[in-house]
Amino acid sequence: MKLGVFVFLLHVINVVFSDEIATEDGVLILNKENFKSAVSDNEFILVEFYAPWCGHCKALTPEYAKAAKQLAEQSSPIKLAKVDATEEQDLAEEFGVRGYPTLKFFRKGSPSEYSGGRQADDIVSWLLKKTGPPAKELSSVDEAKEFIEANKVAVIGFFKDQSTEEAKAFLGVAAAIDDIPFGISADDGVSSEYEAASDSIVLFKKFDEGKVVYEGKPVEADIKKFVQSNSLPLLVEFNHDTAQKIFGGEIKSHLLLFLSKADESFEKISEAARSVAKPFKEQVLFVTIDADEEDHQRILEFFGMQKKEVPAARLIKLEEDMAKYKPDSDDLSAETIQKFVQDFLDGKLKQHLLSQDLPEDWDKEPVKVLVASNFEEVALDTEKDVLVEFYAPWCGHCKQLAPIYDKVGEHFKDNSNIVVAKMDATVNELEFTKVTSFPTLKLYKKGDNQVVEYNGPRTFEGLTKFLESGGEDGAGPDLEEEVAEDDDSAKKDEL
C-alpha cells in the first residue's frame, strides 16, 4: 500500500471515530459540536435538555434509559439523546429551554414539543404513535397477546372493515392520544380469543377490573373520554408522573383526598374511596395526594388547608372559576365519600369559599382591609365608590404598587363618597368575582354597583384620576366578565 493511500485511510478512520457520538445507557450525549449532525442524521430523535442538579431530571434518567433500551430491542430507528443545558447554554437558548427537564422531538431536523409522560412506557408509546400508524395492526393471536402483555394499558379495536364510521372514529381517537398504545385487528382468531364482538373496542389494563368494553356510540369525543377515564386506576395517586394525565384529561371534576402515607388511616380511606369510585369514573376522578410530600404543600395552600387538617377531602371543578367544595363531615368512610360526590353531581353543594378571619383593626388605616366575610358590606355599599385591589402577598407587582396605593388611600381618607380597600385574593374567595392575575383593581360604583376594572398606569396620578372621574379615566372593559390580564401582571398560580 502506498504511503499516500495509507495516510488518507488513517484520516478517514480518524474522522469517523471523532464524529461518533458517545452514549450513556443507550442515550446519545449531545453538545454544540455534534447536535446538528445528530438531528440531521436521525429521522426521529427525542432530546432531553437537563440540569445535573434537577431532581425531576434525576427521576427521569432511569426511565429515559429504559425507553432507549425498549426502542433498541424493537430495532426502532428512533433515538433518544440528552443535552446538559447548564454546559450547553447556547443550545438551550436556541431551543427556548426555560425549565428542566425540557424535551424536544425532532423529525427530520424539525423540532416540536414533547407532550407525553415520563415513564418509559409512556415515552415509547408517544414516540411510536408520532412516527407510525395510530393503531398497530394485530393479525394473529400471538401478536395481540404480545401487544397486551407489553403495555400496562392497551386499547384494541376489532374491525373487519376500517372504512366504516365506527373504525374511523376509533382511529381518530388513536391518533389523538399519544401516551396510550392502540391496536386494531380484523382477525377472527383474535376476536374469538378475547370474546370481542365485531366493531367493538376493548381496553385492557393490568389493574382494577383488567378489561373494559366500550358500550357507547361511535363518537370520537365519547371514545376518547372512555379511554382516558379507564386508563387510570379507580384511585389515582397524584405525583409528578400522573399530574399531566390528571389535570390534562377529559374529566374536569376531581375528588382530592389529602392523606398522609405514614398514617394508619391511609389504607383504610384509600380502600373506602376505591370501593365507591367505579360508578363515577367517567364523571369524577378520584385522586390521593400525600400531604407529607414537600412538593404538595402549595396544593394544600391553594385549598386554604394546613397539614394538621389531614386527612381531608375536597372536590374541585377545573373550569374557569375553579370551584371548590368541602364535605360537611370530617368522616371519610365509603358512605360519606359516595354521598359527597353524588351531591356534587346533583348540584346540591354550595361552593366552599376561602376566607380569613376579619381583623379587628380592618378599618383603622386609610386603605381598608377586606376579607370574604366583610366584602359585600363594604365593597357593595351603594352610597360609595369603592376601589378594591386584589393582591397576592408574594406578587412583585403588588409590592411595587403598595406604597402608591397607600398614598391613594391617604388622599381619599376624608372623602365620604370614596373608599380605598384591598383584599388578599389568595386566601379570600368570592362567589361572583374571580381574580386571575395580580394585582387586579376594580371599582364598585355607587348606586348600581357596576364593576369597572382599572386598566390605566399604576401611578398615584392615574389612580386618583380614575376615582375622581367615577371610573371613566383609565377604565378597562365593563366587568360583567373577566378581561385578559396585562402582560406584566402576575398570573394566579393554580394547581
Protein backbone atom coordinates (compact mmCIF):
# COMPACT_ATOMS: atom_id res chain seq x y z
CA MET A 1 0.00 0.00 0.00
CA LYS A 2 1.38 3.37 -0.98
CA LEU A 3 2.10 5.81 1.85
CA GLY A 4 -0.32 8.44 0.50
CA VAL A 5 -3.22 5.99 0.43
CA PHE A 6 -2.35 4.78 3.95
CA VAL A 7 -2.33 8.34 5.30
CA PHE A 8 -5.66 9.03 3.57
CA LEU A 9 -7.26 5.93 5.18
CA LEU A 10 -5.95 6.93 8.59
CA HIS A 11 -7.51 10.35 8.08
CA VAL A 12 -10.87 8.79 7.15
CA ILE A 13 -10.76 6.50 10.19
CA ASN A 14 -9.97 9.41 12.48
CA VAL A 15 -12.85 11.43 11.05
CA VAL A 16 -15.26 8.54 11.53
CA PHE A 17 -14.23 7.93 15.11
CA SER A 18 -14.07 11.58 16.03
CA ASP A 19 -17.63 12.07 14.73
CA GLU A 20 -19.02 9.09 16.62
CA ILE A 21 -21.42 10.25 19.33
CA ALA A 22 -20.86 8.92 22.84
CA THR A 23 -23.74 7.18 24.59
CA GLU A 24 -24.77 6.55 28.17
CA ASP A 25 -27.20 3.69 28.83
CA GLY A 26 -28.21 3.80 25.16
CA VAL A 27 -28.85 7.57 25.22
CA LEU A 28 -26.83 9.81 22.90
CA ILE A 29 -24.85 12.56 24.64
CA LEU A 30 -25.08 15.74 22.60
CA ASN A 31 -23.22 19.02 22.67
CA LYS A 32 -22.77 22.03 20.42
CA GLU A 33 -20.32 20.19 18.18
CA ASN A 34 -22.43 17.11 17.40
CA PHE A 35 -26.00 18.35 17.90
CA LYS A 36 -26.65 19.43 14.32
CA SER A 37 -25.36 16.20 12.81
CA ALA A 38 -27.32 14.10 15.32
CA VAL A 39 -30.68 15.66 14.48
CA SER A 40 -29.96 15.67 10.73
CA ASP A 41 -28.61 12.09 10.56
CA ASN A 42 -31.52 10.62 12.54
CA GLU A 43 -35.02 10.97 11.13
CA PHE A 44 -36.56 10.76 14.60
CA ILE A 45 -34.78 11.84 17.77
CA LEU A 46 -36.07 12.88 21.20
CA VAL A 47 -33.73 15.26 23.05
CA GLU A 48 -33.81 15.95 26.79
CA PHE A 49 -32.36 19.25 27.96
CA TYR A 50 -31.45 18.72 31.60
CA ALA A 51 -29.57 20.16 34.56
CA PRO A 52 -27.41 17.79 36.66
CA TRP A 53 -28.81 19.21 39.92
CA CYS A 54 -32.50 18.98 38.88
CA GLY A 55 -34.49 16.45 40.92
CA HIS A 56 -37.05 15.86 38.17
CA CYS A 57 -34.21 15.22 35.70
CA LYS A 58 -32.68 12.65 38.08
CA ALA A 59 -36.05 10.92 38.38
CA LEU A 60 -36.40 10.82 34.59
CA THR A 61 -32.91 9.37 33.96
CA PRO A 62 -33.64 5.65 34.60
CA GLU A 63 -36.97 5.82 32.74
CA TYR A 64 -35.31 7.55 29.80
CA ALA A 65 -32.66 4.81 29.67
CA LYS A 66 -35.35 2.10 29.83
CA ALA A 67 -37.16 3.75 26.94
CA ALA A 68 -33.95 3.83 24.88
CA LYS A 69 -33.44 0.13 25.60
CA GLN A 70 -37.01 -0.77 24.60
CA LEU A 71 -36.64 1.08 21.31
CA ALA A 72 -33.31 -0.60 20.60
CA GLU A 73 -34.82 -4.03 21.29
CA GLN A 74 -37.55 -3.23 18.75
CA SER A 75 -34.87 -2.23 16.21
CA SER A 76 -36.55 1.16 16.07
CA PRO A 77 -34.85 3.99 14.17
CA ILE A 78 -35.95 6.41 16.90
CA LYS A 79 -33.07 7.68 19.04
CA LEU A 80 -33.03 9.23 22.48
CA ALA A 81 -30.50 11.91 23.35
CA LYS A 82 -29.72 14.37 26.12
CA VAL A 83 -28.01 17.73 26.49
CA ASP A 84 -26.59 19.18 29.69
CA ALA A 85 -28.25 22.60 29.33
CA THR A 86 -26.07 24.12 32.06
CA GLU A 87 -22.99 23.36 29.95
CA GLU A 88 -24.53 23.91 26.51
CA GLN A 89 -26.26 27.21 27.20
CA ASP A 90 -26.23 28.28 23.54
CA LEU A 91 -28.24 25.20 22.57
CA ALA A 92 -30.63 25.73 25.46
CA GLU A 93 -31.21 29.32 24.38
CA GLU A 94 -31.64 28.35 20.74
CA PHE A 95 -34.45 25.91 21.59
CA GLY A 96 -36.16 28.07 24.19
CA VAL A 97 -35.36 25.97 27.24
CA ARG A 98 -36.84 27.69 30.31
CA GLY A 99 -37.09 24.81 32.75
CA TYR A 100 -35.79 21.33 33.40
CA PRO A 101 -36.23 18.81 32.03
CA THR A 102 -37.39 20.12 28.65
CA LEU A 103 -37.90 17.51 25.93
CA LYS A 104 -37.97 18.29 22.21
CA PHE A 105 -38.88 15.83 19.46
CA PHE A 106 -37.04 16.27 16.14
CA ARG A 107 -38.49 14.89 12.92
CA LYS A 108 -36.07 15.31 10.02
CA GLY A 109 -34.38 18.09 11.97
CA SER A 110 -37.59 19.99 12.74
CA PRO A 111 -38.36 20.37 16.49
CA SER A 112 -41.70 20.10 18.26
CA GLU A 113 -42.75 19.91 21.90
CA TYR A 114 -42.85 16.54 23.65
CA SER A 115 -46.20 16.17 25.41
CA GLY A 116 -46.06 12.62 26.74
CA GLY A 117 -45.48 11.15 30.19
CA ARG A 118 -42.20 10.48 31.94
CA GLN A 119 -42.37 6.75 32.44
CA ALA A 120 -40.52 4.52 29.96
CA ASP A 121 -43.73 3.01 28.55
CA ASP A 122 -45.27 6.46 28.10
CA ILE A 123 -42.19 7.75 26.28
CA VAL A 124 -42.05 4.77 23.93
CA SER A 125 -45.80 4.85 23.26
CA TRP A 126 -45.70 8.58 22.46
CA LEU A 127 -42.77 8.17 20.08
CA LEU A 128 -44.23 5.16 18.28
CA LYS A 129 -47.52 6.99 17.86
CA LYS A 130 -45.74 10.04 16.44
CA THR A 131 -43.67 8.02 13.98
CA GLY A 132 -46.03 5.26 12.89
CA PRO A 133 -49.69 4.42 12.29
CA PRO A 134 -52.11 5.45 15.07
CA ALA A 135 -53.06 1.81 15.71
CA LYS A 136 -50.84 -1.24 15.30
CA GLU A 137 -52.13 -4.00 13.03
CA LEU A 138 -52.62 -7.22 15.01
CA SER A 139 -53.03 -10.08 12.58
CA SER A 140 -52.68 -13.05 14.94
CA VAL A 141 -53.43 -14.12 18.49
CA ASP A 142 -49.72 -14.17 19.30
CA GLU A 143 -49.31 -10.58 18.12
CA ALA A 144 -52.30 -9.48 20.17
CA LYS A 145 -51.05 -11.26 23.29
CA GLU A 146 -47.60 -9.72 22.92
CA PHE A 147 -49.15 -6.27 22.42
CA ILE A 148 -51.35 -6.53 25.52
CA GLU A 149 -48.61 -8.06 27.65
CA ALA A 150 -46.10 -5.35 26.73
CA ASN A 151 -48.28 -2.49 27.93
CA LYS A 152 -49.83 -1.51 31.24
CA VAL A 153 -52.81 -0.18 29.27
CA ALA A 154 -53.68 -1.17 25.69
CA VAL A 155 -56.73 -0.47 23.54
CA ILE A 156 -57.79 -2.75 20.68
CA GLY A 157 -60.44 -2.09 18.06
CA PHE A 158 -61.94 -5.20 16.46
CA PHE A 159 -62.87 -4.03 12.95
CA LYS A 160 -63.01 -6.11 9.79
CA ASP A 161 -63.63 -3.01 7.70
CA GLN A 162 -61.55 0.04 8.61
CA SER A 163 -63.54 2.29 6.29
CA THR A 164 -66.66 2.25 8.50
CA GLU A 165 -67.63 5.30 10.57
CA GLU A 166 -67.02 3.28 13.74
CA ALA A 167 -63.47 2.33 12.68
CA LYS A 168 -62.70 5.90 11.58
CA ALA A 169 -63.82 7.25 14.95
CA PHE A 170 -61.63 4.69 16.72
CA LEU A 171 -58.59 5.57 14.58
CA GLY A 172 -59.25 9.27 15.14
CA VAL A 173 -59.00 8.76 18.88
CA ALA A 174 -55.93 6.57 18.44
CA ALA A 175 -54.24 9.41 16.55
CA ALA A 176 -55.24 11.98 19.18
CA ILE A 177 -53.99 10.12 22.28
CA ASP A 178 -50.22 9.89 22.30
CA ASP A 179 -49.48 8.16 25.59
CA ILE A 180 -51.66 5.05 25.21
CA PRO A 181 -50.95 2.32 22.61
CA PHE A 182 -53.78 1.35 20.25
CA GLY A 183 -54.11 -1.82 18.19
CA ILE A 184 -56.58 -2.85 15.51
CA SER A 185 -57.47 -6.34 14.34
CA ALA A 186 -59.63 -7.93 11.64
CA ASP A 187 -58.56 -11.47 12.55
CA ASP A 188 -61.33 -13.87 13.64
CA GLY A 189 -58.92 -15.74 15.89
CA VAL A 190 -58.06 -12.57 17.84
CA SER A 191 -61.74 -11.68 18.22
CA SER A 192 -62.51 -15.20 19.42
CA GLU A 193 -59.59 -15.24 21.86
CA TYR A 194 -60.84 -12.11 23.62
CA GLU A 195 -64.57 -12.77 23.10
CA ALA A 196 -64.86 -9.46 21.27
CA ALA A 197 -67.86 -8.63 19.11
CA SER A 198 -67.44 -7.19 15.65
CA ASP A 199 -66.85 -3.41 15.60
CA SER A 200 -66.13 -3.36 19.34
CA ILE A 201 -63.47 -1.52 21.34
CA VAL A 202 -61.82 -3.14 24.35
CA LEU A 203 -59.42 -1.54 26.83
CA PHE A 204 -57.02 -3.95 28.55
CA LYS A 205 -55.22 -2.92 31.75
CA LYS A 206 -53.07 -4.50 34.42
CA PHE A 207 -55.04 -3.09 37.35
CA ASP A 208 -58.60 -2.82 38.65
CA GLU A 209 -61.00 -4.96 36.57
CA GLY A 210 -58.42 -5.79 33.89
CA LYS A 211 -60.69 -5.36 30.85
CA VAL A 212 -63.40 -2.87 29.88
CA VAL A 213 -65.62 -2.88 26.78
CA TYR A 214 -66.77 0.39 25.25
CA GLU A 215 -70.55 0.49 25.08
CA GLY A 216 -71.23 3.96 23.73
CA LYS A 217 -71.90 5.38 20.29
CA PRO A 218 -69.09 5.62 17.70
CA VAL A 219 -68.32 9.25 18.53
CA GLU A 220 -64.70 10.33 18.90
CA ALA A 221 -65.31 12.54 21.95
CA ASP A 222 -67.09 9.71 23.79
CA ILE A 223 -64.48 7.11 22.86
CA LYS A 224 -61.70 9.44 23.96
CA LYS A 225 -63.37 10.04 27.32
CA PHE A 226 -63.87 6.29 27.77
CA VAL A 227 -60.18 5.59 27.07
CA GLN A 228 -58.85 8.36 29.29
CA SER A 229 -61.15 7.61 32.22
CA ASN A 230 -60.46 3.87 32.14
CA SER A 231 -56.71 4.11 31.54
CA LEU A 232 -56.16 5.47 35.04
CA PRO A 233 -56.77 3.45 38.23
CA LEU A 234 -60.05 3.99 40.06
CA LEU A 235 -57.96 5.79 42.67
CA VAL A 236 -55.05 7.75 41.22
CA GLU A 237 -52.02 8.80 43.25
CA PHE A 238 -51.02 12.37 42.43
CA ASN A 239 -47.32 12.68 41.63
CA HIS A 240 -45.03 14.17 39.03
CA ASP A 241 -45.74 11.33 36.57
CA THR A 242 -49.53 11.37 36.85
CA ALA A 243 -50.11 15.13 37.15
CA GLN A 244 -50.39 15.69 33.41
CA LYS A 245 -52.86 12.83 32.96
CA ILE A 246 -54.94 14.03 35.90
CA PHE A 247 -55.20 17.72 35.04
CA GLY A 248 -54.87 17.41 31.26
CA GLY A 249 -57.54 14.76 30.81
CA GLU A 250 -61.15 14.98 29.69
CA ILE A 251 -62.55 14.62 33.22
CA LYS A 252 -62.53 18.04 34.86
CA SER A 253 -64.18 17.19 38.19
CA HIS A 254 -61.81 15.70 40.78
CA LEU A 255 -62.26 14.33 44.26
CA LEU A 256 -58.99 15.07 46.07
CA LEU A 257 -58.18 13.06 49.18
CA PHE A 258 -55.43 14.69 51.22
CA LEU A 259 -53.83 11.85 53.17
CA SER A 260 -50.62 11.03 54.98
CA LYS A 261 -48.99 7.84 53.75
CA ALA A 262 -47.35 7.48 57.13
CA ASP A 263 -50.70 7.46 58.93
CA GLU A 264 -52.55 4.22 59.65
CA SER A 265 -55.73 5.70 58.16
CA PHE A 266 -54.17 5.92 54.67
CA GLU A 267 -55.05 2.39 53.51
CA LYS A 268 -58.49 2.42 55.14
CA ILE A 269 -59.55 5.69 53.49
CA SER A 270 -57.97 4.72 50.17
CA GLU A 271 -59.88 1.46 50.09
CA ALA A 272 -63.13 3.23 51.05
CA ALA A 273 -62.70 5.65 48.14
CA ARG A 274 -61.74 2.90 45.70
CA SER A 275 -64.82 0.88 46.66
CA VAL A 276 -67.22 3.64 45.59
CA ALA A 277 -65.26 5.14 42.67
CA LYS A 278 -66.34 2.87 39.81
CA PRO A 279 -69.84 4.29 39.12
CA PHE A 280 -68.34 7.80 38.94
CA LYS A 281 -65.24 7.06 36.86
CA GLU A 282 -66.37 8.89 33.70
CA GLN A 283 -67.62 11.91 35.68
CA VAL A 284 -65.28 12.37 38.63
CA LEU A 285 -61.63 11.40 39.00
CA PHE A 286 -60.68 10.09 42.46
CA VAL A 287 -57.18 11.27 43.45
CA THR A 288 -55.00 10.83 46.54
CA ILE A 289 -52.44 13.49 47.50
CA ASP A 290 -49.73 12.62 50.01
CA ALA A 291 -49.67 15.62 52.35
CA ASP A 292 -46.25 14.55 53.64
CA GLU A 293 -44.61 15.48 50.33
CA GLU A 294 -42.95 18.89 50.40
CA ASP A 295 -43.87 19.50 46.75
CA HIS A 296 -47.56 19.16 47.63
CA GLN A 297 -47.69 21.96 50.21
CA ARG A 298 -48.68 24.52 47.58
CA ILE A 299 -51.77 22.44 46.79
CA LEU A 300 -52.76 22.49 50.45
CA GLU A 301 -52.29 26.27 50.46
CA PHE A 302 -54.41 26.59 47.32
CA PHE A 303 -57.30 24.99 49.21
CA GLY A 304 -56.63 27.08 52.32
CA MET A 305 -55.66 23.97 54.26
CA GLN A 306 -53.00 23.20 56.83
CA LYS A 307 -51.32 19.85 57.24
CA LYS A 308 -52.94 19.38 60.65
CA GLU A 309 -56.34 19.13 58.89
CA VAL A 310 -55.29 15.92 57.07
CA PRO A 311 -56.97 13.51 56.35
CA ALA A 312 -59.45 15.64 54.44
CA ALA A 313 -61.38 15.71 51.17
CA ARG A 314 -62.12 18.43 48.64
CA LEU A 315 -63.87 18.46 45.28
CA ILE A 316 -62.74 20.77 42.52
CA LYS A 317 -64.22 21.56 39.14
CA LEU A 318 -61.45 22.53 36.74
CA GLU A 319 -63.36 25.07 34.77
CA GLU A 320 -62.69 28.81 34.54
CA ASP A 321 -63.90 29.53 38.06
CA MET A 322 -62.05 26.58 39.67
CA ALA A 323 -64.99 25.96 42.00
CA LYS A 324 -64.11 24.09 45.20
CA TYR A 325 -66.33 22.07 47.52
CA LYS A 326 -65.84 20.84 51.09
CA PRO A 327 -67.74 17.98 52.77
CA ASP A 328 -69.85 18.73 55.83
CA SER A 329 -68.20 15.97 57.81
CA ASP A 330 -64.58 15.02 58.51
CA ASP A 331 -65.62 11.37 58.29
CA LEU A 332 -64.10 9.74 55.20
CA SER A 333 -65.96 6.45 55.15
CA ALA A 334 -67.20 4.92 51.91
CA GLU A 335 -70.73 6.13 52.64
CA THR A 336 -69.77 9.77 53.22
CA ILE A 337 -67.44 9.86 50.20
CA GLN A 338 -70.17 8.39 47.99
CA LYS A 339 -72.74 10.93 49.25
CA PHE A 340 -70.32 13.85 48.88
CA VAL A 341 -69.62 13.01 45.24
CA GLN A 342 -73.26 12.26 44.41
CA ASP A 343 -74.45 15.53 45.99
CA PHE A 344 -71.85 17.36 43.92
CA LEU A 345 -73.10 15.77 40.70
CA ASP A 346 -76.70 16.51 41.68
CA GLY A 347 -75.88 20.19 42.20
CA LYS A 348 -76.72 20.11 45.89
CA LEU A 349 -73.42 21.51 47.16
CA LYS A 350 -72.56 25.15 47.72
CA GLN A 351 -69.07 26.32 46.76
CA HIS A 352 -66.53 26.38 49.56
CA LEU A 353 -65.01 29.87 49.54
CA LEU A 354 -61.83 30.67 51.39
CA SER A 355 -61.92 33.47 53.94
CA GLN A 356 -59.59 34.87 56.55
CA ASP A 357 -60.84 35.96 59.93
CA LEU A 358 -61.78 39.63 59.93
CA PRO A 359 -59.01 41.64 61.63
CA GLU A 360 -60.23 43.85 64.50
CA ASP A 361 -58.41 46.84 63.02
CA TRP A 362 -59.51 46.28 59.41
CA ASP A 363 -60.77 49.89 59.04
CA LYS A 364 -58.13 51.75 61.07
CA GLU A 365 -55.88 52.66 58.12
CA PRO A 366 -56.78 54.75 55.05
CA VAL A 367 -56.67 51.56 52.94
CA LYS A 368 -59.36 49.28 54.40
CA VAL A 369 -58.71 45.54 54.74
CA LEU A 370 -61.32 43.27 53.23
CA VAL A 371 -61.85 39.55 53.67
CA ALA A 372 -64.59 37.39 52.19
CA SER A 373 -66.91 37.94 55.16
CA ASN A 374 -66.98 41.76 55.02
CA PHE A 375 -66.56 42.22 51.27
CA GLU A 376 -70.23 42.72 50.38
CA GLU A 377 -70.86 45.07 53.30
CA VAL A 378 -68.01 47.36 52.28
CA ALA A 379 -67.47 46.97 48.53
CA LEU A 380 -71.16 46.84 47.60
CA ASP A 381 -72.15 49.88 49.67
CA THR A 382 -74.43 51.71 47.22
CA GLU A 383 -73.65 55.05 48.86
CA LYS A 384 -69.96 54.96 47.93
CA ASP A 385 -67.50 54.32 45.13
CA VAL A 386 -65.22 51.54 46.40
CA LEU A 387 -61.86 50.75 44.79
CA VAL A 388 -60.55 47.29 45.68
CA GLU A 389 -57.07 45.95 45.00
CA PHE A 390 -57.00 42.16 44.77
CA TYR A 391 -53.41 41.19 45.57
CA ALA A 392 -51.12 38.29 46.41
CA PRO A 393 -48.53 38.67 49.19
CA TRP A 394 -45.81 37.07 47.02
CA CYS A 395 -46.53 39.17 43.91
CA GLY A 396 -43.69 41.55 42.98
CA HIS A 397 -46.04 43.89 41.09
CA CYS A 398 -48.28 44.11 44.15
CA LYS A 399 -45.30 45.01 46.35
CA GLN A 400 -44.32 47.78 43.91
CA LEU A 401 -47.86 49.14 43.96
CA ALA A 402 -48.22 49.06 47.78
CA PRO A 403 -46.68 52.50 48.65
CA ILE A 404 -48.55 54.14 45.75
CA TYR A 405 -51.82 52.54 46.80
CA ASP A 406 -51.30 53.62 50.42
CA LYS A 407 -50.79 57.18 49.16
CA VAL A 408 -54.07 56.95 47.23
CA GLY A 409 -55.83 55.78 50.38
CA GLU A 410 -54.37 58.68 52.34
CA HIS A 411 -55.51 61.10 49.64
CA PHE A 412 -59.15 59.98 49.85
CA LYS A 413 -59.35 59.14 53.59
CA ASP A 414 -61.59 62.13 54.38
CA ASN A 415 -63.80 61.70 51.31
CA SER A 416 -67.11 60.26 52.49
CA ASN A 417 -68.02 59.13 48.96
CA ILE A 418 -64.90 57.07 48.22
CA VAL A 419 -63.39 54.01 49.92
CA VAL A 420 -59.98 52.57 49.05
CA ALA A 421 -59.60 48.91 50.07
CA LYS A 422 -57.52 45.80 49.45
CA MET A 423 -58.02 42.03 49.75
CA ASP A 424 -55.57 39.13 49.76
CA ALA A 425 -57.16 37.08 46.97
CA THR A 426 -55.01 34.02 47.67
CA VAL A 427 -56.86 33.31 50.92
CA ASN A 428 -60.20 35.02 50.29
CA GLU A 429 -62.61 33.97 47.55
CA LEU A 430 -65.84 35.50 46.27
CA GLU A 431 -68.62 33.65 44.52
CA PHE A 432 -69.19 36.19 41.73
CA THR A 433 -65.78 37.81 41.47
CA LYS A 434 -62.95 35.73 40.02
CA VAL A 435 -59.39 37.02 40.03
CA THR A 436 -56.90 35.53 37.56
CA SER A 437 -53.98 37.96 37.83
CA PHE A 438 -52.33 40.18 40.41
CA PRO A 439 -52.74 42.99 41.14
CA THR A 440 -56.29 43.43 39.86
CA LEU A 441 -58.03 46.74 40.65
CA LYS A 442 -61.81 47.00 40.44
CA LEU A 443 -64.11 49.90 41.16
CA TYR A 444 -67.54 49.06 42.56
CA LYS A 445 -69.59 52.14 41.65
CA LYS A 446 -72.16 53.62 43.98
CA GLY A 447 -75.79 53.31 43.05
CA ASP A 448 -75.88 50.17 40.92
CA ASN A 449 -72.56 48.52 41.96
CA GLN A 450 -71.39 48.45 38.35
CA VAL A 451 -67.90 46.92 38.24
CA VAL A 452 -65.19 48.74 36.30
CA GLU A 453 -61.68 47.36 36.10
CA TYR A 454 -58.80 49.82 36.20
CA ASN A 455 -56.60 49.49 33.14
CA GLY A 456 -54.50 52.64 33.38
CA PRO A 457 -50.96 53.29 34.66
CA ARG A 458 -50.29 52.11 38.20
CA THR A 459 -49.38 55.56 39.42
CA PHE A 460 -50.79 57.89 42.05
CA GLU A 461 -51.95 60.28 39.35
CA GLY A 462 -53.57 57.54 37.28
CA LEU A 463 -55.45 56.02 40.20
CA THR A 464 -56.66 59.34 41.61
CA LYS A 465 -57.95 60.43 38.17
CA PHE A 466 -59.74 57.09 37.88
CA LEU A 467 -61.56 57.60 41.17
CA GLU A 468 -62.26 61.30 40.66
CA SER A 469 -63.76 60.57 37.23
CA GLY A 470 -66.08 57.94 38.64
CA GLY A 471 -64.25 55.14 36.87
CA GLU A 472 -64.10 56.81 33.44
CA ASP A 473 -60.42 57.78 33.14
CA GLY A 474 -58.32 54.60 32.92
CA ALA A 475 -61.19 52.14 32.76
CA GLY A 476 -60.90 48.76 31.14
CA PRO A 477 -63.88 46.88 29.61
CA ASP A 478 -67.03 46.64 31.69
CA LEU A 479 -66.59 43.71 34.01
CA GLU A 480 -69.57 41.52 33.89
CA GLU A 481 -66.97 39.11 32.50
CA GLU A 482 -63.25 38.89 33.12
CA VAL A 483 -60.79 40.74 30.89
CA ALA A 484 -57.43 39.43 29.72
CA GLU A 485 -54.64 40.22 32.15
CA ASP A 486 -51.82 42.62 31.32
CA ASP A 487 -48.56 41.10 30.19
CA ASP A 488 -46.81 42.41 33.31
CA SER A 489 -49.40 41.06 35.73
CA ALA A 490 -48.53 38.09 37.88
CA LYS A 491 -50.88 35.26 36.99
CA LYS A 492 -52.60 33.37 39.75
CA ASP A 493 -50.75 30.14 40.39
CA GLU A 494 -53.42 27.48 40.29
CA LEU A 495 -52.87 23.77 40.87
